[in-house]
């Protein structure tokens, strides 16, 4: 893909205090050259990075989110927060992909306090990748209103998504490859569809109906779904008392 030289991506970085932030500091004092597109938030552990932080950043127009932590097995805390960070990052990438946002806009890397050169190289590479992808939304072919709807829908489900991650998807492996294999497995895909995807679609429908009454066909056209799929979601939502059919307007409205 051709680099968009006129585009400078906005990057938000969450850096572990003990390793990656120290590595960034070393890169600075050593005068290693790397792009200055990233604004940094220092956290005590990469495991402290909440899915809500990531989604809020993207919903506010950030083109890429970077999370930097200690190498696996070298966390400064007994609980090994970087293992939790790895689990959360995989889940967040699946969420981004589900709403049509390129998951490569979210990146997790391990950088020790002595790896100033590695920090500079990683940020340079990430910035280059984001330039290839283009601005958030435009690069995916999603208009501003559509992007806003998708992020509002997923943000409203964050407490539930965190519960699912903790109770059904929280695992502990020794290597990154094992995490990648687990989160790309058919079992996780099934759980993701059953526990999250349907609720995410219903969340988008409810947000649309809060703006104005809509018919099944109108909702289907906006969300790119078939009318039968929308009918299924509306029927289940009506049974739960979330929406109702207005006989006068011949449209669905919030209950």
Protein backbone atom coordinates (compact mmCIF):
# COMPACT_ATOMS: atom_id res chain seq x y z
CA UNK A 1 0.00 0.00 0.00
CA UNK A 2 1.25 3.48 -0.84
CA UNK A 3 2.18 5.75 2.05
CA UNK A 4 0.03 8.84 2.44
CA UNK A 5 2.78 11.39 2.98
CA UNK A 6 0.33 14.22 3.63
CA UNK A 7 -1.27 12.32 6.51
CA UNK A 8 0.23 12.41 10.00
CA UNK A 9 -1.54 9.86 12.23
CA UNK A 10 -2.53 10.71 15.79
CA UNK A 11 -1.31 8.01 18.17
CA UNK A 12 -2.10 7.54 21.86
CA UNK A 13 0.35 5.42 23.83
CA UNK A 14 -0.16 3.70 27.18
CA UNK A 15 3.30 2.84 28.52
CA UNK A 16 4.18 0.70 31.53
CA UNK A 17 6.06 2.83 34.08
CA UNK A 18 8.75 0.27 34.83
CA UNK A 19 9.78 -0.89 31.36
CA UNK A 20 8.36 0.69 28.22
CA UNK A 21 8.17 4.22 29.64
CA UNK A 22 11.76 3.88 30.83
CA UNK A 23 12.70 2.59 27.37
CA UNK A 24 11.03 5.65 25.82
CA UNK A 25 12.96 7.89 28.21
CA UNK A 26 16.21 6.17 27.21
CA UNK A 27 15.38 6.69 23.53
CA UNK A 28 14.91 10.38 24.27
CA UNK A 29 18.08 10.99 26.23
CA UNK A 30 20.05 8.90 23.70
CA UNK A 31 18.63 11.08 20.89
CA UNK A 32 17.35 8.12 18.89
CA UNK A 33 15.23 9.44 16.03
CA UNK A 34 11.58 8.37 15.70
CA UNK A 35 8.28 10.05 14.69
CA UNK A 36 6.71 12.42 17.20
CA UNK A 37 3.11 11.45 16.44
CA UNK A 38 2.47 9.73 19.77
CA UNK A 39 1.15 11.29 22.96
CA UNK A 40 2.02 9.21 26.01
CA UNK A 41 0.03 8.24 29.10
CA UNK A 42 2.13 6.53 31.75
CA UNK A 43 0.44 3.66 33.60
CA UNK A 44 1.88 1.56 36.40
CA UNK A 45 1.28 -1.65 34.45
CA UNK A 46 0.12 -2.56 30.93
CA UNK A 47 -2.53 -4.69 32.65
CA UNK A 48 -4.07 -1.42 33.87
CA UNK A 49 -5.12 -0.49 30.32
CA UNK A 50 -8.89 -0.88 30.25
CA UNK A 51 -10.81 -1.65 27.02
CA UNK A 52 -12.76 1.55 27.70
CA UNK A 53 -9.53 3.58 27.39
CA UNK A 54 -8.81 2.11 23.97
CA UNK A 55 -12.34 2.52 22.62
CA UNK A 56 -12.62 6.07 23.98
CA UNK A 57 -9.38 7.00 22.23
CA UNK A 58 -10.61 5.71 18.89
CA UNK A 59 -14.04 7.32 19.32
CA UNK A 60 -12.27 10.66 19.86
CA UNK A 61 -10.50 10.40 16.52
CA UNK A 62 -7.19 8.79 17.45
CA UNK A 63 -5.81 6.88 14.45
CA UNK A 64 -3.82 4.32 16.43
CA UNK A 65 -3.42 3.10 20.01
CA UNK A 66 -0.13 1.70 21.27
CA UNK A 67 0.29 -0.28 24.50
CA UNK A 68 3.80 -0.97 25.75
CA UNK A 69 4.67 -3.25 28.65
CA UNK A 70 7.32 -5.47 30.21
CA UNK A 71 8.34 -8.67 28.47
CA UNK A 72 6.30 -11.72 29.51
CA UNK A 73 7.74 -13.19 32.69
CA UNK A 74 9.32 -9.87 33.68
CA UNK A 75 6.31 -8.00 35.08
CA UNK A 76 7.14 -6.02 38.23
CA UNK A 77 3.93 -7.24 39.90
CA UNK A 78 3.16 -10.70 41.29
CA UNK A 79 -0.06 -10.96 39.28
CA UNK A 80 1.74 -10.60 35.94
CA UNK A 81 -0.42 -7.83 34.57
CA UNK A 82 1.12 -8.01 31.11
CA UNK A 83 -0.50 -11.42 30.61
CA UNK A 84 -3.89 -9.81 31.27
CA UNK A 85 -2.96 -7.02 28.86
CA UNK A 86 -2.29 -9.59 26.15
CA UNK A 87 -5.71 -11.16 26.68
CA UNK A 88 -7.45 -7.77 26.58
CA UNK A 89 -5.59 -6.71 23.43
CA UNK A 90 -6.68 -9.83 21.57
CA UNK A 91 -10.30 -9.22 22.58
CA UNK A 92 -10.15 -5.55 21.61
CA UNK A 93 -8.76 -6.46 18.20
CA UNK A 94 -11.71 -8.79 17.66
CA UNK A 95 -14.08 -5.98 18.66
CA UNK A 96 -12.44 -3.55 16.24
CA UNK A 97 -12.63 -6.08 13.43
CA UNK A 98 -16.29 -6.73 14.20
CA UNK A 99 -17.22 -3.06 13.78
CA UNK A 100 -15.18 -2.73 10.59
CA UNK A 101 -12.08 -1.01 11.99
CA UNK A 102 -8.68 -2.41 11.03
CA UNK A 103 -7.33 -4.23 14.13
CA UNK A 104 -3.78 -3.24 13.16
CA UNK A 105 -4.61 0.22 14.51
CA UNK A 106 -4.13 -1.32 17.96
CA UNK A 107 -0.64 -2.54 18.80
CA UNK A 108 0.89 -4.18 21.87
CA UNK A 109 4.65 -4.47 22.26
CA UNK A 110 7.12 -5.42 24.97
CA UNK A 111 10.00 -3.01 25.57
CA UNK A 112 12.40 -3.22 28.51
CA UNK A 113 13.97 -0.23 30.22
CA UNK A 114 17.26 -0.88 28.40
CA UNK A 115 15.72 -1.08 24.92
CA UNK A 116 15.65 2.53 23.80
CA UNK A 117 16.58 1.55 20.25
CA UNK A 118 13.78 -1.03 20.12
CA UNK A 119 11.26 1.57 21.32
CA UNK A 120 12.29 3.96 18.54
CA UNK A 121 12.11 1.19 15.93
CA UNK A 122 8.67 -0.01 17.06
CA UNK A 123 7.14 3.48 17.07
CA UNK A 124 8.66 4.23 13.66
CA UNK A 125 7.19 1.03 12.25
CA UNK A 126 3.76 1.62 13.83
CA UNK A 127 3.60 5.18 12.50
CA UNK A 128 4.50 3.95 9.02
CA UNK A 129 1.75 1.31 9.19
CA UNK A 130 -0.85 3.88 10.23
CA UNK A 131 0.19 6.12 7.34
CA UNK A 132 -0.50 3.19 5.03
CA UNK A 133 -3.92 2.61 6.61
CA UNK A 134 -4.90 6.28 6.39
CA UNK A 135 -7.12 8.29 8.78
CA UNK A 136 -9.45 6.34 11.05
CA UNK A 137 -12.72 5.65 9.25
CA UNK A 138 -11.60 6.98 5.90
CA UNK A 139 -9.10 4.15 5.62
CA UNK A 140 -11.89 1.65 6.31
CA UNK A 141 -14.45 3.34 4.09
CA UNK A 142 -16.74 4.18 7.02
CA UNK A 143 -18.38 7.60 7.15
CA UNK A 144 -18.14 9.75 10.27
CA UNK A 145 -21.71 9.08 11.47
CA UNK A 146 -21.38 5.36 10.93
CA UNK A 147 -18.09 5.26 12.81
CA UNK A 148 -19.58 7.23 15.70
CA UNK A 149 -22.53 4.83 15.91
CA UNK A 150 -20.28 1.76 15.99
CA UNK A 151 -18.04 3.11 18.74
CA UNK A 152 -20.96 4.35 20.84
CA UNK A 153 -22.54 0.92 20.56
CA UNK A 154 -19.43 -0.97 21.64
CA UNK A 155 -18.58 1.53 24.41
CA UNK A 156 -22.03 1.03 25.95
CA UNK A 157 -21.23 -2.68 26.29
CA UNK A 158 -17.81 -2.31 27.93
CA UNK A 159 -18.86 -3.42 31.45
CA UNK A 160 -20.50 -6.52 29.97
CA UNK A 161 -17.55 -7.20 27.64
CA UNK A 162 -15.11 -6.98 30.57
CA UNK A 163 -17.26 -9.51 32.45
CA UNK A 164 -17.20 -11.89 29.48
CA UNK A 165 -13.42 -11.53 29.17
CA UNK A 166 -12.87 -12.19 32.85
CA UNK A 167 -15.31 -15.10 33.23
CA UNK A 168 -15.09 -16.87 29.84
CA UNK A 169 -11.97 -15.70 27.99
CA UNK A 170 -9.38 -15.05 30.71
CA UNK A 171 -6.59 -17.58 30.26
CA UNK A 172 -2.94 -17.84 31.23
CA UNK A 173 -0.36 -19.20 28.83
CA UNK A 174 3.42 -18.89 28.80
CA UNK A 175 3.90 -17.63 25.25
CA UNK A 176 2.31 -15.11 22.88
CA UNK A 177 1.81 -17.83 20.27
CA UNK A 178 -0.43 -19.73 22.66
CA UNK A 179 -2.55 -16.62 23.21
CA UNK A 180 -2.80 -16.05 19.45
CA UNK A 181 -3.80 -19.67 18.87
CA UNK A 182 -6.44 -19.52 21.62
CA UNK A 183 -8.08 -16.29 20.44
CA UNK A 184 -8.13 -17.45 16.81
CA UNK A 185 -9.70 -20.80 17.73
CA UNK A 186 -13.20 -21.85 16.64
CA UNK A 187 -14.28 -22.09 20.28
CA UNK A 188 -13.44 -18.46 21.01
CA UNK A 189 -15.05 -17.36 17.74
CA UNK A 190 -18.21 -19.20 18.78
CA UNK A 191 -18.24 -17.62 22.23
CA UNK A 192 -17.58 -14.20 20.73
CA UNK A 193 -20.54 -14.55 18.35
CA UNK A 194 -22.89 -15.93 20.99
CA UNK A 195 -21.99 -13.59 23.85
CA UNK A 196 -20.96 -10.33 22.18
CA UNK A 197 -21.85 -9.96 18.48
CA UNK A 198 -25.64 -10.12 18.89
CA UNK A 199 -25.60 -7.68 21.81
CA UNK A 200 -23.40 -5.31 19.80
CA UNK A 201 -25.86 -5.30 16.91
CA UNK A 202 -28.81 -4.72 19.23
CA UNK A 203 -26.90 -1.86 20.84
CA UNK A 204 -26.50 -0.22 17.43
CA UNK A 205 -30.21 -0.66 16.69
CA UNK A 206 -31.20 0.94 19.99
CA UNK A 207 -28.93 3.92 19.33
CA UNK A 208 -30.51 4.39 15.90
CA UNK A 209 -34.03 4.25 17.32
CA UNK A 210 -33.18 6.89 19.93
CA UNK A 211 -32.52 9.28 17.06
CA UNK A 212 -35.75 8.59 15.17
CA UNK A 213 -38.37 5.87 14.52
CA UNK A 214 -37.24 3.41 11.84
CA UNK A 215 -38.70 0.51 9.90
CA UNK A 216 -37.06 -2.89 9.63
CA UNK A 217 -35.95 -2.10 6.09
CA UNK A 218 -34.42 1.24 7.07
CA UNK A 219 -32.44 -0.34 9.90
CA UNK A 220 -31.26 -3.12 7.61
CA UNK A 221 -30.04 -0.60 5.04
CA UNK A 222 -28.15 1.50 7.60
CA UNK A 223 -26.43 -1.47 9.26
CA UNK A 224 -25.87 -3.49 6.10
CA UNK A 225 -27.91 -6.43 7.39
CA UNK A 226 -30.71 -8.44 5.83
CA UNK A 227 -34.30 -7.55 6.87
CA UNK A 228 -34.71 -11.05 8.33
CA UNK A 229 -31.67 -10.56 10.57
CA UNK A 230 -32.99 -7.19 11.77
CA UNK A 231 -36.42 -8.72 12.42
CA UNK A 232 -34.82 -11.36 14.62
CA UNK A 233 -32.99 -8.71 16.64
CA UNK A 234 -36.10 -6.54 16.93
CA UNK A 235 -38.25 -9.47 18.05
CA UNK A 236 -35.79 -10.44 20.78
CA UNK A 237 -35.47 -6.80 21.86
CA UNK A 238 -39.26 -6.41 21.97
CA UNK A 239 -39.56 -9.49 24.20
CA UNK A 240 -37.05 -7.89 26.58
CA UNK A 241 -39.03 -4.66 26.60
CA UNK A 242 -36.36 -2.63 24.82
CA UNK A 243 -38.33 -1.65 21.69
CA UNK A 244 -41.94 -1.63 20.49
CA UNK A 245 -43.74 -1.30 17.20
CA UNK A 246 -45.68 1.96 16.80
CA UNK A 247 -48.88 1.14 14.90
CA UNK A 248 -49.49 4.76 13.95
CA UNK A 249 -46.02 5.46 12.47
CA UNK A 250 -45.58 1.85 11.30
CA UNK A 251 -42.05 1.97 12.70
CA UNK A 252 -40.09 0.69 15.66
CA UNK A 253 -39.40 3.03 18.57
CA UNK A 254 -37.70 2.65 21.96
CA UNK A 255 -39.99 1.09 24.57
